PDB file of N, CA and C in Angstrom:
ATOM      1  N   UNK A   1       7.295 -12.918 -10.693  1.00  0.00           N
ATOM      2  CA  UNK A   1       5.986 -12.793 -11.287  1.00  0.00           C
ATOM      3  C   UNK A   1       5.078 -13.803 -10.594  1.00  0.00           C
ATOM      4  N   UNK A   2       3.842 -13.397 -10.364  1.00  0.00           N
ATOM      5  CA  UNK A   2       2.877 -14.269  -9.688  1.00  0.00           C
ATOM      6  C   UNK A   2       1.503 -14.059 -10.320  1.00  0.00           C
ATOM      7  N   UNK A   3       0.828 -15.162 -10.607  1.00  0.00           N
ATOM      8  CA  UNK A   3      -0.539 -15.103 -11.098  1.00  0.00           C
ATOM      9  C   UNK A   3      -1.448 -15.646 -10.014  1.00  0.00           C
ATOM     10  N   UNK A   4      -2.401 -14.829  -9.569  1.00  0.00           N
ATOM     11  CA  UNK A   4      -3.381 -15.294  -8.590  1.00  0.00           C
ATOM     12  C   UNK A   4      -4.759 -15.244  -9.239  1.00  0.00           C
ATOM     13  N   UNK A   5      -5.623 -16.153  -8.779  1.00  0.00           N
ATOM     14  CA  UNK A   5      -6.964 -16.256  -9.355  1.00  0.00           C
ATOM     15  C   UNK A   5      -7.987 -16.390  -8.235  1.00  0.00           C
ATOM     16  N   UNK A   6      -9.010 -15.556  -8.270  1.00  0.00           N
ATOM     17  CA  UNK A   6     -10.106 -15.608  -7.301  1.00  0.00           C
ATOM     18  C   UNK A   6     -11.308 -16.222  -8.008  1.00  0.00           C
ATOM     19  N   UNK A   7     -11.567 -17.494  -7.702  1.00  0.00           N
ATOM     20  CA  UNK A   7     -12.634 -18.221  -8.370  1.00  0.00           C
ATOM     21  C   UNK A   7     -14.012 -17.628  -8.076  1.00  0.00           C
ATOM     22  N   UNK A   8     -14.205 -17.138  -6.857  1.00  0.00           N
ATOM     23  CA  UNK A   8     -15.509 -16.587  -6.472  1.00  0.00           C
ATOM     24  C   UNK A   8     -15.897 -15.407  -7.358  1.00  0.00           C
ATOM     25  N   UNK A   9     -14.936 -14.529  -7.621  1.00  0.00           N
ATOM     26  CA  UNK A   9     -15.218 -13.325  -8.414  1.00  0.00           C
ATOM     27  C   UNK A   9     -14.724 -13.434  -9.854  1.00  0.00           C
ATOM     28  N   UNK A  10     -14.066 -14.552 -10.198  1.00  0.00           N
ATOM     29  CA  UNK A  10     -13.551 -14.788 -11.540  1.00  0.00           C
ATOM     30  C   UNK A  10     -12.619 -13.656 -11.979  1.00  0.00           C
ATOM     31  N   UNK A  11     -11.684 -13.321 -11.080  1.00  0.00           N
ATOM     32  CA  UNK A  11     -10.718 -12.250 -11.328  1.00  0.00           C
ATOM     33  C   UNK A  11      -9.311 -12.818 -11.155  1.00  0.00           C
ATOM     34  N   UNK A  12      -8.439 -12.488 -12.089  1.00  0.00           N
ATOM     35  CA  UNK A  12      -7.039 -12.907 -11.986  1.00  0.00           C
ATOM     36  C   UNK A  12      -6.165 -11.658 -11.905  1.00  0.00           C
ATOM     37  N   UNK A  13      -5.030 -11.794 -11.217  1.00  0.00           N
ATOM     38  CA  UNK A  13      -4.093 -10.689 -11.114  1.00  0.00           C
ATOM     39  C   UNK A  13      -2.696 -11.219 -11.412  1.00  0.00           C
ATOM     40  N   UNK A  14      -2.076 -10.658 -12.415  1.00  0.00           N
ATOM     41  CA  UNK A  14      -0.711 -11.003 -12.773  1.00  0.00           C
ATOM     42  C   UNK A  14       0.196  -9.924 -12.186  1.00  0.00           C
ATOM     43  N   UNK A  15       0.901 -10.285 -11.110  1.00  0.00           N
ATOM     44  CA  UNK A  15       1.792  -9.329 -10.443  1.00  0.00           C
ATOM     45  C   UNK A  15       3.177  -9.458 -11.070  1.00  0.00           C
ATOM     46  N   UNK A  16       3.651  -8.377 -11.635  1.00  0.00           N
ATOM     47  CA  UNK A  16       4.967  -8.373 -12.268  1.00  0.00           C
ATOM     48  C   UNK A  16       6.053  -7.921 -11.304  1.00  0.00           C
ATOM     49  N   UNK A  17       5.697  -7.024 -10.378  1.00  0.00           N
ATOM     50  CA  UNK A  17       6.631  -6.499  -9.377  1.00  0.00           C
ATOM     51  C   UNK A  17       5.871  -6.266  -8.083  1.00  0.00           C
ATOM     52  N   UNK A  18       6.575  -6.348  -6.951  1.00  0.00           N
ATOM     53  CA  UNK A  18       5.990  -5.940  -5.677  1.00  0.00           C
ATOM     54  C   UNK A  18       5.769  -4.433  -5.729  1.00  0.00           C
ATOM     55  N   UNK A  19       4.667  -3.977  -5.203  1.00  0.00           N
ATOM     56  CA  UNK A  19       4.397  -2.538  -5.186  1.00  0.00           C
ATOM     57  C   UNK A  19       5.295  -1.880  -4.161  1.00  0.00           C
ATOM     58  N   UNK A  20       6.183  -1.020  -4.630  1.00  0.00           N
ATOM     59  CA  UNK A  20       7.079  -0.278  -3.745  1.00  0.00           C
ATOM     60  C   UNK A  20       6.787   1.215  -3.793  1.00  0.00           C
ATOM     61  N   UNK A  21       5.836   1.583  -4.630  1.00  0.00           N
ATOM     62  CA  UNK A  21       5.467   2.989  -4.784  1.00  0.00           C
ATOM     63  C   UNK A  21       3.960   3.064  -5.010  1.00  0.00           C
ATOM     64  N   UNK A  22       3.439   4.270  -4.938  1.00  0.00           N
ATOM     65  CA  UNK A  22       2.036   4.488  -5.235  1.00  0.00           C
ATOM     66  C   UNK A  22       1.799   4.175  -6.709  1.00  0.00           C
ATOM     67  N   UNK A  23       0.734   3.445  -7.009  1.00  0.00           N
ATOM     68  CA  UNK A  23       0.424   3.111  -8.394  1.00  0.00           C
ATOM     69  C   UNK A  23      -0.899   3.736  -8.795  1.00  0.00           C
ATOM     70  N   UNK A  24      -1.063   3.890 -10.088  1.00  0.00           N
ATOM     71  CA  UNK A  24      -2.305   4.375 -10.656  1.00  0.00           C
ATOM     72  C   UNK A  24      -2.890   3.215 -11.453  1.00  0.00           C
ATOM     73  N   UNK A  25      -4.174   2.999 -11.344  1.00  0.00           N
ATOM     74  CA  UNK A  25      -4.826   1.946 -12.104  1.00  0.00           C
ATOM     75  C   UNK A  25      -5.439   2.542 -13.360  1.00  0.00           C
ATOM     76  N   UNK A  26      -5.072   1.963 -14.488  1.00  0.00           N
ATOM     77  CA  UNK A  26      -5.586   2.408 -15.780  1.00  0.00           C
ATOM     78  C   UNK A  26      -6.558   1.355 -16.292  1.00  0.00           C
ATOM     79  N   UNK A  27      -7.772   1.783 -16.607  1.00  0.00           N
ATOM     80  CA  UNK A  27      -8.760   0.872 -17.175  1.00  0.00           C
ATOM     81  C   UNK A  27      -8.507   0.767 -18.673  1.00  0.00           C
ATOM     82  N   UNK A  28      -8.076  -0.394 -19.120  1.00  0.00           N
ATOM     83  CA  UNK A  28      -7.778  -0.623 -20.532  1.00  0.00           C
ATOM     84  C   UNK A  28      -9.053  -0.993 -21.287  1.00  0.00           C
ATOM     85  N   UNK A  29      -9.887  -1.816 -20.637  1.00  0.00           N
ATOM     86  CA  UNK A  29     -11.158  -2.227 -21.229  1.00  0.00           C
ATOM     87  C   UNK A  29     -12.087  -2.622 -20.089  1.00  0.00           C
ATOM     88  N   UNK A  30     -13.269  -3.114 -20.424  1.00  0.00           N
ATOM     89  CA  UNK A  30     -14.200  -3.582 -19.396  1.00  0.00           C
ATOM     90  C   UNK A  30     -13.678  -4.815 -18.679  1.00  0.00           C
ATOM     91  N   UNK A  31     -12.654  -5.468 -19.246  1.00  0.00           N
ATOM     92  CA  UNK A  31     -12.134  -6.705 -18.672  1.00  0.00           C
ATOM     93  C   UNK A  31     -10.667  -6.637 -18.263  1.00  0.00           C
ATOM     94  N   UNK A  32     -10.043  -5.454 -18.331  1.00  0.00           N
ATOM     95  CA  UNK A  32      -8.620  -5.374 -17.987  1.00  0.00           C
ATOM     96  C   UNK A  32      -8.253  -4.031 -17.384  1.00  0.00           C
ATOM     97  N   UNK A  33      -7.514  -4.092 -16.256  1.00  0.00           N
ATOM     98  CA  UNK A  33      -6.948  -2.917 -15.604  1.00  0.00           C
ATOM     99  C   UNK A  33      -5.444  -3.140 -15.455  1.00  0.00           C
ATOM    100  N   UNK A  34      -4.678  -2.067 -15.534  1.00  0.00           N
ATOM    101  CA  UNK A  34      -3.229  -2.157 -15.369  1.00  0.00           C
ATOM    102  C   UNK A  34      -2.808  -1.206 -14.259  1.00  0.00           C
ATOM    103  N   UNK A  35      -1.996  -1.710 -13.304  1.00  0.00           N
ATOM    104  CA  UNK A  35      -1.426  -0.881 -12.241  1.00  0.00           C
ATOM    105  C   UNK A  35      -0.054  -0.410 -12.700  1.00  0.00           C
ATOM    106  N   UNK A  36       0.151   0.908 -12.722  1.00  0.00           N
ATOM    107  CA  UNK A  36       1.381   1.482 -13.238  1.00  0.00           C
ATOM    108  C   UNK A  36       1.873   2.588 -12.306  1.00  0.00           C
ATOM    109  N   UNK A  37       3.183   2.661 -12.124  1.00  0.00           N
ATOM    110  CA  UNK A  37       3.793   3.690 -11.275  1.00  0.00           C
ATOM    111  C   UNK A  37       4.057   4.940 -12.112  1.00  0.00           C
ATOM    112  N   UNK A  38       4.285   6.089 -11.447  1.00  0.00           N
ATOM    113  CA  UNK A  38       4.565   7.327 -12.174  1.00  0.00           C
ATOM    114  C   UNK A  38       5.772   7.234 -13.110  1.00  0.00           C
ATOM    115  N   UNK A  39       6.730   6.358 -12.793  1.00  0.00           N
ATOM    116  CA  UNK A  39       7.909   6.235 -13.668  1.00  0.00           C
ATOM    117  C   UNK A  39       7.664   5.302 -14.854  1.00  0.00           C
ATOM    118  N   UNK A  40       6.436   4.764 -14.978  1.00  0.00           N
ATOM    119  CA  UNK A  40       6.093   3.902 -16.098  1.00  0.00           C
ATOM    120  C   UNK A  40       6.212   2.418 -15.819  1.00  0.00           C
ATOM    121  N   UNK A  41       6.683   2.048 -14.629  1.00  0.00           N
ATOM    122  CA  UNK A  41       6.799   0.637 -14.284  1.00  0.00           C
ATOM    123  C   UNK A  41       5.415   0.017 -14.150  1.00  0.00           C
ATOM    124  N   UNK A  42       5.184  -1.085 -14.851  1.00  0.00           N
ATOM    125  CA  UNK A  42       3.922  -1.809 -14.735  1.00  0.00           C
ATOM    126  C   UNK A  42       4.062  -2.808 -13.590  1.00  0.00           C
ATOM    127  N   UNK A  43       3.208  -2.666 -12.589  1.00  0.00           N
ATOM    128  CA  UNK A  43       3.270  -3.539 -11.428  1.00  0.00           C
ATOM    129  C   UNK A  43       2.369  -4.750 -11.574  1.00  0.00           C
ATOM    130  N   UNK A  44       1.250  -4.598 -12.255  1.00  0.00           N
ATOM    131  CA  UNK A  44       0.359  -5.734 -12.381  1.00  0.00           C
ATOM    132  C   UNK A  44      -0.752  -5.506 -13.377  1.00  0.00           C
ATOM    133  N   UNK A  45      -1.366  -6.620 -13.753  1.00  0.00           N
ATOM    134  CA  UNK A  45      -2.473  -6.610 -14.706  1.00  0.00           C
ATOM    135  C   UNK A  45      -3.623  -7.388 -14.085  1.00  0.00           C
ATOM    136  N   UNK A  46      -4.781  -6.744 -13.982  1.00  0.00           N
ATOM    137  CA  UNK A  46      -5.974  -7.378 -13.432  1.00  0.00           C
ATOM    138  C   UNK A  46      -6.886  -7.778 -14.588  1.00  0.00           C
ATOM    139  N   UNK A  47      -7.305  -9.038 -14.587  1.00  0.00           N
ATOM    140  CA  UNK A  47      -8.196  -9.544 -15.625  1.00  0.00           C
ATOM    141  C   UNK A  47      -9.546  -9.873 -15.012  1.00  0.00           C
ATOM    142  N   UNK A  48     -10.572  -9.153 -15.438  1.00  0.00           N
ATOM    143  CA  UNK A  48     -11.934  -9.432 -15.022  1.00  0.00           C
ATOM    144  C   UNK A  48     -12.502 -10.430 -16.030  1.00  0.00           C
ATOM    145  N   UNK A  49     -13.418 -11.273 -15.604  1.00  0.00           N
ATOM    146  CA  UNK A  49     -13.903 -12.360 -16.463  1.00  0.00           C
ATOM    147  C   UNK A  49     -12.703 -13.207 -16.895  1.00  0.00           C
ATOM    148  N   UNK A  50     -11.872 -13.521 -15.913  1.00  0.00           N
ATOM    149  CA  UNK A  50     -10.573 -14.140 -16.162  1.00  0.00           C
ATOM    150  C   UNK A  50     -10.650 -15.509 -16.812  1.00  0.00           C
ATOM    151  N   UNK A  51     -11.610 -16.303 -16.420  1.00  0.00           N
ATOM    152  CA  UNK A  51     -11.681 -17.655 -16.970  1.00  0.00           C
ATOM    153  C   UNK A  51     -11.778 -17.603 -18.489  1.00  0.00           C
ATOM    154  N   UNK A  52     -12.567 -16.684 -18.999  1.00  0.00           N
ATOM    155  CA  UNK A  52     -12.712 -16.539 -20.451  1.00  0.00           C
ATOM    156  C   UNK A  52     -11.398 -16.073 -21.083  1.00  0.00           C
ATOM    157  N   UNK A  53     -10.689 -15.180 -20.417  1.00  0.00           N
ATOM    158  CA  UNK A  53      -9.474 -14.607 -20.990  1.00  0.00           C
ATOM    159  C   UNK A  53      -8.259 -15.519 -20.876  1.00  0.00           C
ATOM    160  N   UNK A  54      -8.204 -16.341 -19.841  1.00  0.00           N
ATOM    161  CA  UNK A  54      -7.007 -17.129 -19.578  1.00  0.00           C
ATOM    162  C   UNK A  54      -7.078 -18.581 -20.020  1.00  0.00           C
ATOM    163  N   UNK A  55      -8.245 -19.064 -20.326  1.00  0.00           N
ATOM    164  CA  UNK A  55      -8.350 -20.501 -20.557  1.00  0.00           C
ATOM    165  C   UNK A  55      -8.591 -20.841 -22.010  1.00  0.00           C
ATOM    166  N   UNK A  56      -8.287 -22.090 -22.313  1.00  0.00           N
ATOM    167  CA  UNK A  56      -8.636 -22.623 -23.615  1.00  0.00           C
ATOM    168  C   UNK A  56      -9.992 -23.294 -23.479  1.00  0.00           C
ATOM    169  N   UNK A  57     -10.366 -24.132 -24.401  1.00  0.00           N
ATOM    170  CA  UNK A  57     -11.677 -24.779 -24.363  1.00  0.00           C
ATOM    171  C   UNK A  57     -11.833 -25.747 -23.197  1.00  0.00           C
ATOM    172  N   UNK A  58     -10.749 -26.149 -22.553  1.00  0.00           N
ATOM    173  CA  UNK A  58     -10.810 -27.125 -21.474  1.00  0.00           C
ATOM    174  C   UNK A  58     -10.918 -26.463 -20.106  1.00  0.00           C
ATOM    175  N   UNK A  59     -10.979 -25.132 -20.025  1.00  0.00           N
ATOM    176  CA  UNK A  59     -11.089 -24.445 -18.744  1.00  0.00           C
ATOM    177  C   UNK A  59      -9.799 -24.430 -17.962  1.00  0.00           C
ATOM    178  N   UNK A  60      -8.663 -24.416 -18.668  1.00  0.00           N
ATOM    179  CA  UNK A  60      -7.367 -24.433 -18.000  1.00  0.00           C
ATOM    180  C   UNK A  60      -6.482 -23.324 -18.538  1.00  0.00           C
ATOM    181  N   UNK A  61      -5.637 -22.810 -17.662  1.00  0.00           N
ATOM    182  CA  UNK A  61      -4.618 -21.843 -18.056  1.00  0.00           C
ATOM    183  C   UNK A  61      -3.489 -22.632 -18.712  1.00  0.00           C
ATOM    184  N   UNK A  62      -3.052 -22.209 -19.876  1.00  0.00           N
ATOM    185  CA  UNK A  62      -1.969 -22.879 -20.589  1.00  0.00           C
ATOM    186  C   UNK A  62      -0.692 -22.060 -20.381  1.00  0.00           C
ATOM    187  N   UNK A  63       0.326 -22.704 -19.833  1.00  0.00           N
ATOM    188  CA  UNK A  63       1.618 -22.057 -19.633  1.00  0.00           C
ATOM    189  C   UNK A  63       2.624 -22.755 -20.545  1.00  0.00           C
ATOM    190  N   UNK A  64       3.251 -21.972 -21.428  1.00  0.00           N
ATOM    191  CA  UNK A  64       4.253 -22.520 -22.336  1.00  0.00           C
ATOM    192  C   UNK A  64       5.568 -21.801 -22.114  1.00  0.00           C
ATOM    193  N   UNK A  65       6.642 -22.574 -21.994  1.00  0.00           N
ATOM    194  CA  UNK A  65       7.965 -22.003 -21.795  1.00  0.00           C
ATOM    195  C   UNK A  65       9.007 -22.971 -22.320  1.00  0.00           C
ATOM    196  N   UNK A  66       9.856 -22.475 -23.186  1.00  0.00           N
ATOM    197  CA  UNK A  66      10.971 -23.247 -23.728  1.00  0.00           C
ATOM    198  C   UNK A  66      10.531 -24.610 -24.250  1.00  0.00           C
ATOM    199  N   UNK A  67       9.452 -24.620 -24.988  1.00  0.00           N
ATOM    200  CA  UNK A  67       8.977 -25.851 -25.593  1.00  0.00           C
ATOM    201  C   UNK A  67       8.169 -26.755 -24.689  1.00  0.00           C
ATOM    202  N   UNK A  68       8.015 -26.397 -23.425  1.00  0.00           N
ATOM    203  CA  UNK A  68       7.221 -27.187 -22.486  1.00  0.00           C
ATOM    204  C   UNK A  68       5.849 -26.550 -22.329  1.00  0.00           C
ATOM    205  N   UNK A  69       4.844 -27.375 -22.175  1.00  0.00           N
ATOM    206  CA  UNK A  69       3.464 -26.905 -22.040  1.00  0.00           C
ATOM    207  C   UNK A  69       2.865 -27.524 -20.778  1.00  0.00           C
ATOM    208  N   UNK A  70       2.185 -26.692 -20.020  1.00  0.00           N
ATOM    209  CA  UNK A  70       1.519 -27.162 -18.794  1.00  0.00           C
ATOM    210  C   UNK A  70       0.135 -26.556 -18.716  1.00  0.00           C
ATOM    211  N   UNK A  71      -0.854 -27.354 -18.374  1.00  0.00           N
ATOM    212  CA  UNK A  71      -2.221 -26.873 -18.191  1.00  0.00           C
ATOM    213  C   UNK A  71      -2.526 -26.819 -16.702  1.00  0.00           C
ATOM    214  N   UNK A  72      -3.046 -25.678 -16.272  1.00  0.00           N
ATOM    215  CA  UNK A  72      -3.407 -25.481 -14.868  1.00  0.00           C
ATOM    216  C   UNK A  72      -4.914 -25.205 -14.822  1.00  0.00           C
ATOM    217  N   UNK A  73      -5.696 -26.099 -14.204  1.00  0.00           N
ATOM    218  CA  UNK A  73      -7.148 -25.896 -14.150  1.00  0.00           C
ATOM    219  C   UNK A  73      -7.513 -24.624 -13.388  1.00  0.00           C
ATOM    220  N   UNK A  74      -8.504 -23.905 -13.900  1.00  0.00           N
ATOM    221  CA  UNK A  74      -9.003 -22.711 -13.223  1.00  0.00           C
ATOM    222  C   UNK A  74     -10.258 -23.015 -12.420  1.00  0.00           C
ATOM    223  N   UNK A  75     -10.660 -24.251 -12.405  1.00  0.00           N
ATOM    224  CA  UNK A  75     -11.820 -24.664 -11.616  1.00  0.00           C
ATOM    225  C   UNK A  75     -11.383 -25.747 -10.647  1.00  0.00           C
ATOM    226  N   UNK A  76     -12.095 -25.830  -9.547  1.00  0.00           N
ATOM    227  CA  UNK A  76     -11.788 -26.840  -8.540  1.00  0.00           C
ATOM    228  C   UNK A  76     -12.706 -28.025  -8.714  1.00  0.00           C
TER     229      UNK A  76
END
């Protein structure tokens, strides 16, 4: 899994799998698209207006796993 963020366009992409087949993009909302293969495999999730969707009040992405918390700034 890989999360990439384009600060210029404020777009994030959460890649769940490498694309090995043709995918169809489904518009879920004005701020989210999902890339999905014909067999139902979700390859990735695109977040438009990502900073608003991914950050808390401090402008950072919060990653929590097994009781550990890490903040990753979305601004340089």
